[in-house]
C-alpha atoms as a PDB file:
ATOM      1  CA  MET A   1     -35.949  -9.430  27.021  1.00  0.00           C
ATOM      2  CA  SER A   2     -33.252  -7.816  24.867  1.00  0.00           C
ATOM      3  CA  ARG A   3     -33.563 -10.703  22.362  1.00  0.00           C
ATOM      4  CA  HIS A   4     -37.263  -9.861  21.887  1.00  0.00           C
ATOM      5  CA  ILE A   5     -36.451  -6.171  21.401  1.00  0.00           C
ATOM      6  CA  THR A   6     -33.739  -7.052  18.864  1.00  0.00           C
ATOM      7  CA  ARG A   7     -36.191  -9.253  16.932  1.00  0.00           C
ATOM      8  CA  ALA A   8     -38.885  -6.562  17.076  1.00  0.00           C
ATOM      9  CA  VAL A   9     -36.496  -3.887  15.792  1.00  0.00           C
ATOM     10  CA  SER A  10     -35.293  -6.253  13.056  1.00  0.00           C
ATOM     11  CA  LEU A  11     -38.873  -7.056  12.015  1.00  0.00           C
ATOM     12  CA  LEU A  12     -39.847  -3.379  12.061  1.00  0.00           C
ATOM     13  CA  THR A  13     -36.804  -2.499   9.925  1.00  0.00           C
ATOM     14  CA  SER A  14     -37.651  -5.233   7.416  1.00  0.00           C
ATOM     15  CA  LEU A  15     -41.277  -4.133   7.181  1.00  0.00           C
ATOM     16  CA  THR A  16     -40.258  -0.501   6.704  1.00  0.00           C
ATOM     17  CA  ALA A  17     -37.842  -1.443   3.911  1.00  0.00           C
ATOM     18  CA  ALA A  18     -40.510  -3.566   2.202  1.00  0.00           C
ATOM     19  CA  LEU A  19     -43.028  -0.734   2.438  1.00  0.00           C
ATOM     20  CA  VAL A  20     -40.575   1.778   0.969  1.00  0.00           C
ATOM     21  CA  LEU A  21     -39.777  -0.562  -1.920  1.00  0.00           C
ATOM     22  CA  CYS A  22     -43.468  -1.092  -2.662  1.00  0.00           C
ATOM     23  CA  VAL A  23     -44.466   2.571  -2.456  1.00  0.00           C
ATOM     24  CA  ALA A  24     -41.412   4.277  -3.977  1.00  0.00           C
ATOM     25  CA  ALA A  25     -41.725   5.472  -7.557  1.00  0.00           C
ATOM     26  CA  PRO A  26     -39.680   3.491 -10.060  1.00  0.00           C
ATOM     27  CA  ALA A  27     -36.553   5.066 -11.483  1.00  0.00           C
ATOM     28  CA  SER A  28     -37.376   6.767 -14.731  1.00  0.00           C
ATOM     29  CA  ALA A  29     -35.471   6.340 -17.959  1.00  0.00           C
ATOM     30  CA  ALA A  30     -33.770   9.329 -19.526  1.00  0.00           C
ATOM     31  CA  THR A  31     -35.917  11.405 -21.847  1.00  0.00           C
ATOM     32  CA  PHE A  32     -34.316  12.188 -25.198  1.00  0.00           C
ATOM     33  CA  LEU A  33     -35.610  14.993 -27.387  1.00  0.00           C
ATOM     34  CA  THR A  34     -35.861  15.571 -31.101  1.00  0.00           C
ATOM     35  CA  HIS A  35     -34.115  18.612 -32.562  1.00  0.00           C
ATOM     36  CA  SER A  36     -37.487  20.320 -32.932  1.00  0.00           C
ATOM     37  CA  GLN A  37     -38.552  19.643 -29.338  1.00  0.00           C
ATOM     38  CA  ALA A  38     -35.239  20.947 -27.989  1.00  0.00           C
ATOM     39  CA  THR A  39     -35.193  24.112 -30.104  1.00  0.00           C
ATOM     40  CA  SER A  40     -38.770  24.882 -29.081  1.00  0.00           C
ATOM     41  CA  GLN A  41     -37.813  24.672 -25.395  1.00  0.00           C
ATOM     42  CA  LEU A  42     -34.623  26.681 -25.939  1.00  0.00           C
ATOM     43  CA  SER A  43     -36.537  29.444 -27.737  1.00  0.00           C
ATOM     44  CA  ALA A  44     -39.081  29.553 -24.922  1.00  0.00           C
ATOM     45  CA  ALA A  45     -36.222  29.948 -22.416  1.00  0.00           C
ATOM     46  CA  GLY A  46     -34.641  32.786 -24.413  1.00  0.00           C
ATOM     47  CA  ILE A  47     -31.592  30.745 -25.445  1.00  0.00           C
ATOM     48  CA  SER A  48     -30.160  31.007 -28.944  1.00  0.00           C
ATOM     49  CA  TRP A  49     -27.935  28.692 -30.931  1.00  0.00           C
ATOM     50  CA  THR A  50     -25.693  28.975 -33.932  1.00  0.00           C
ATOM     51  CA  SER A  51     -24.076  26.602 -36.395  1.00  0.00           C
ATOM     52  CA  SER A  52     -20.838  27.306 -38.265  1.00  0.00           C
ATOM     53  CA  GLY A  53     -22.252  25.227 -41.111  1.00  0.00           C
ATOM     54  CA  GLY A  54     -25.710  26.775 -40.965  1.00  0.00           C
ATOM     55  CA  CYS A  55     -27.312  23.350 -40.468  1.00  0.00           C
ATOM     56  CA  SER A  56     -28.693  20.909 -37.893  1.00  0.00           C
ATOM     57  CA  ASP A  57     -27.682  17.504 -39.322  1.00  0.00           C
ATOM     58  CA  ARG A  58     -26.363  15.369 -36.462  1.00  0.00           C
ATOM     59  CA  SER A  59     -23.943  13.529 -38.739  1.00  0.00           C
ATOM     60  CA  VAL A  60     -22.171  16.723 -39.900  1.00  0.00           C
ATOM     61  CA  ALA A  61     -19.547  18.167 -37.524  1.00  0.00           C
ATOM     62  CA  THR A  62     -20.078  21.793 -38.625  1.00  0.00           C
ATOM     63  CA  CYS A  63     -23.808  21.627 -37.815  1.00  0.00           C
ATOM     64  CA  THR A  64     -25.374  22.207 -34.403  1.00  0.00           C
ATOM     65  CA  SER A  65     -27.854  19.439 -33.701  1.00  0.00           C
ATOM     66  CA  PHE A  66     -30.010  18.798 -30.649  1.00  0.00           C
ATOM     67  CA  GLU A  67     -31.235  15.418 -31.913  1.00  0.00           C
ATOM     68  CA  GLN A  68     -31.177  12.964 -28.960  1.00  0.00           C
ATOM     69  CA  VAL A  69     -30.204  15.616 -26.392  1.00  0.00           C
ATOM     70  CA  ARG A  70     -31.335  14.727 -22.882  1.00  0.00           C
ATOM     71  CA  GLN A  71     -34.201  16.637 -21.325  1.00  0.00           C
ATOM     72  CA  THR A  72     -32.056  17.244 -18.228  1.00  0.00           C
ATOM     73  CA  THR A  73     -29.412  18.904 -20.424  1.00  0.00           C
ATOM     74  CA  ILE A  74     -31.972  21.320 -21.881  1.00  0.00           C
ATOM     75  CA  ASP A  75     -33.367  21.920 -18.376  1.00  0.00           C
ATOM     76  CA  GLY A  76     -29.803  22.545 -17.162  1.00  0.00           C
ATOM     77  CA  ILE A  77     -29.020  25.230 -19.729  1.00  0.00           C
ATOM     78  CA  ALA A  78     -32.424  26.824 -19.048  1.00  0.00           C
ATOM     79  CA  THR A  79     -31.558  26.861 -15.329  1.00  0.00           C
ATOM     80  CA  LEU A  80     -28.235  28.551 -16.117  1.00  0.00           C
ATOM     81  CA  ARG A  81     -30.028  31.156 -18.253  1.00  0.00           C
ATOM     82  CA  SER A  82     -32.548  31.836 -15.498  1.00  0.00           C
ATOM     83  CA  ALA A  83     -29.929  31.999 -12.734  1.00  0.00           C
ATOM     84  CA  THR A  84     -27.561  34.296 -14.625  1.00  0.00           C
ATOM     85  CA  GLY A  85     -29.913  36.504 -16.610  1.00  0.00           C
ATOM     86  CA  CYS A  86     -27.198  36.325 -19.271  1.00  0.00           C
ATOM     87  CA  SER A  87     -27.672  35.966 -22.991  1.00  0.00           C
ATOM     88  CA  ILE A  88     -26.638  32.384 -23.871  1.00  0.00           C
ATOM     89  CA  THR A  89     -25.697  31.099 -27.312  1.00  0.00           C
ATOM     90  CA  ILE A  90     -25.166  27.369 -27.855  1.00  0.00           C
ATOM     91  CA  THR A  91     -22.469  26.526 -30.403  1.00  0.00           C
ATOM     92  CA  GLY A  92     -22.374  22.741 -30.089  1.00  0.00           C
ATOM     93  CA  ALA A  93     -24.632  19.932 -28.949  1.00  0.00           C
ATOM     94  CA  THR A  94     -25.123  16.317 -30.113  1.00  0.00           C
ATOM     95  CA  GLU A  95     -23.528  16.524 -33.551  1.00  0.00           C
ATOM     96  CA  THR A  96     -20.605  14.312 -34.501  1.00  0.00           C
ATOM     97  CA  GLY A  97     -17.051  15.575 -34.061  1.00  0.00           C
ATOM     98  CA  HIS A  98     -16.830  15.820 -30.274  1.00  0.00           C
ATOM     99  CA  SER A  99     -14.937  13.491 -27.932  1.00  0.00           C
ATOM    100  CA  SER A 100     -16.588  10.148 -27.263  1.00  0.00           C
ATOM    101  CA  GLY A 101     -17.468   8.581 -23.921  1.00  0.00           C
ATOM    102  CA  THR A 102     -20.433   7.923 -21.690  1.00  0.00           C
ATOM    103  CA  TYR A 103     -20.950  11.561 -20.682  1.00  0.00           C
ATOM    104  CA  SER A 104     -20.475  12.964 -24.171  1.00  0.00           C
ATOM    105  CA  HIS A 105     -22.079  15.394 -26.577  1.00  0.00           C
ATOM    106  CA  TRP A 106     -23.246  12.462 -28.719  1.00  0.00           C
ATOM    107  CA  ASN A 107     -25.012  10.864 -25.737  1.00  0.00           C
ATOM    108  CA  GLY A 108     -26.839  14.119 -24.983  1.00  0.00           C
ATOM    109  CA  TYR A 109     -25.051  15.157 -21.789  1.00  0.00           C
ATOM    110  CA  LYS A 110     -23.013  18.122 -23.076  1.00  0.00           C
ATOM    111  CA  LEU A 111     -23.451  21.502 -24.682  1.00  0.00           C
ATOM    112  CA  ASP A 112     -20.916  24.095 -25.828  1.00  0.00           C
ATOM    113  CA  ILE A 113     -21.773  27.740 -25.284  1.00  0.00           C
ATOM    114  CA  ARG A 114     -20.182  30.959 -26.457  1.00  0.00           C
ATOM    115  CA  HIS A 115     -18.081  33.002 -24.042  1.00  0.00           C
ATOM    116  CA  SER A 116     -19.512  36.282 -22.796  1.00  0.00           C
ATOM    117  CA  SER A 117     -18.396  38.467 -19.910  1.00  0.00           C
ATOM    118  CA  CYS A 118     -21.760  37.878 -18.201  1.00  0.00           C
ATOM    119  CA  VAL A 119     -21.567  34.058 -18.388  1.00  0.00           C
ATOM    120  CA  ASP A 120     -17.825  33.985 -17.659  1.00  0.00           C
ATOM    121  CA  ASN A 121     -18.201  36.144 -14.540  1.00  0.00           C
ATOM    122  CA  TYR A 122     -21.128  34.087 -13.252  1.00  0.00           C
ATOM    123  CA  ILE A 123     -19.405  30.711 -13.691  1.00  0.00           C
ATOM    124  CA  THR A 124     -16.047  31.792 -12.286  1.00  0.00           C
ATOM    125  CA  SER A 125     -17.514  33.616  -9.291  1.00  0.00           C
ATOM    126  CA  THR A 126     -20.391  31.262  -8.407  1.00  0.00           C
ATOM    127  CA  PHE A 127     -19.067  27.756  -9.045  1.00  0.00           C
ATOM    128  CA  THR A 128     -16.195  25.936  -7.332  1.00  0.00           C
ATOM    129  CA  TYR A 129     -12.892  25.955  -9.187  1.00  0.00           C
ATOM    130  CA  VAL A 130     -11.783  22.349  -9.741  1.00  0.00           C
ATOM    131  CA  GLY A 131      -8.472  23.083 -11.441  1.00  0.00           C
ATOM    132  CA  TYR A 132      -6.802  22.951 -14.811  1.00  0.00           C
ATOM    133  CA  ILE A 133      -7.599  19.753 -16.694  1.00  0.00           C
ATOM    134  CA  SER A 134      -4.675  19.102 -19.025  1.00  0.00           C
ATOM    135  CA  GLY A 135      -5.741  19.153 -22.644  1.00  0.00           C
ATOM    136  CA  TRP A 136      -9.158  20.595 -21.789  1.00  0.00           C
ATOM    137  CA  GLY A 137      -8.995  23.767 -19.723  1.00  0.00           C
ATOM    138  CA  HIS A 138     -10.010  25.353 -16.446  1.00  0.00           C
ATOM    139  CA  GLN A 139     -12.923  23.538 -14.847  1.00  0.00           C
ATOM    140  CA  TYR A 140     -15.635  24.629 -12.415  1.00  0.00           C
ATOM    141  CA  ARG A 141     -18.259  22.527 -10.606  1.00  0.00           C
ATOM    142  CA  SER A 142     -21.729  23.831  -9.761  1.00  0.00           C
ATOM    143  CA  ALA A 143     -23.374  23.012  -6.428  1.00  0.00           C
ATOM    144  CA  SER A 144     -25.461  20.390  -8.239  1.00  0.00           C
ATOM    145  CA  GLY A 145     -22.337  18.684  -9.615  1.00  0.00           C
ATOM    146  CA  ASN A 146     -22.458  19.813 -13.246  1.00  0.00           C
ATOM    147  CA  LEU A 147     -19.090  20.644 -14.825  1.00  0.00           C
ATOM    148  CA  TYR A 148     -18.204  23.811 -16.726  1.00  0.00           C
ATOM    149  CA  THR A 149     -14.892  23.695 -18.609  1.00  0.00           C
ATOM    150  CA  ASP A 150     -13.386  26.761 -20.244  1.00  0.00           C
ATOM    151  CA  GLU A 151     -11.892  25.266 -23.396  1.00  0.00           C
ATOM    152  CA  GLY A 152     -10.478  28.599 -24.556  1.00  0.00           C
ATOM    153  CA  ASN A 153     -12.956  29.625 -27.242  1.00  0.00           C
ATOM    154  CA  HIS A 154     -16.120  28.288 -25.551  1.00  0.00           C
ATOM    155  CA  TRP A 155     -17.548  26.694 -22.403  1.00  0.00           C
ATOM    156  CA  ASP A 156     -18.013  22.918 -22.541  1.00  0.00           C
ATOM    157  CA  ILE A 157     -20.808  22.047 -20.077  1.00  0.00           C
ATOM    158  CA  LEU A 158     -21.520  18.549 -18.759  1.00  0.00           C
ATOM    159  CA  TYR A 159     -25.017  18.228 -17.325  1.00  0.00           C
ATOM    160  CA  TYR A 160     -25.362  15.263 -15.002  1.00  0.00           C
ATOM    161  CA  ASN A 161     -28.663  16.796 -13.879  1.00  0.00           C
ATOM    162  CA  CYS A 162     -30.840  19.831 -14.482  1.00  0.00           C
ATOM    163  CA  GLY A 163     -28.937  22.020 -12.042  1.00  0.00           C
ATOM    164  CA  GLY A 164     -31.712  22.638  -9.550  1.00  0.00           C
ATOM    165  CA  CYS A 165     -34.559  23.158 -11.994  1.00  0.00           C
END
């Protein structure tokens, strides 16, 4: 009798797995934005940006470009703005001149924002302190897993996801 129950449970498990695989939505590819699309969304969220070079050319390090930024990164900074109520100014995005790597500015995962007492207090009192990352700065992790690193003159933010949007 137990052999029949084992087979029935095994068959039921297999059928359930097959059903889930057939019904589940496919994984979606990342959505990348143009500079114009990103700035439109940032403006709508009340987020400003600045460029030391007064430009938005992705290939110029002194520009601030949002070309090829990920939608989840823009959603993440909008979530931070909404959660904090703070004024947020972006100082760096996908332009050249940042460190390379998979989760980089160039690949659309990271933004730099200006320090302010409002943002600083929120990050340091709400997120979990990870520690001092040598060569980078003091790092904090949000509940959603995004990383906020105080690099001295700005926050470097790595958005793995939209932060609970």
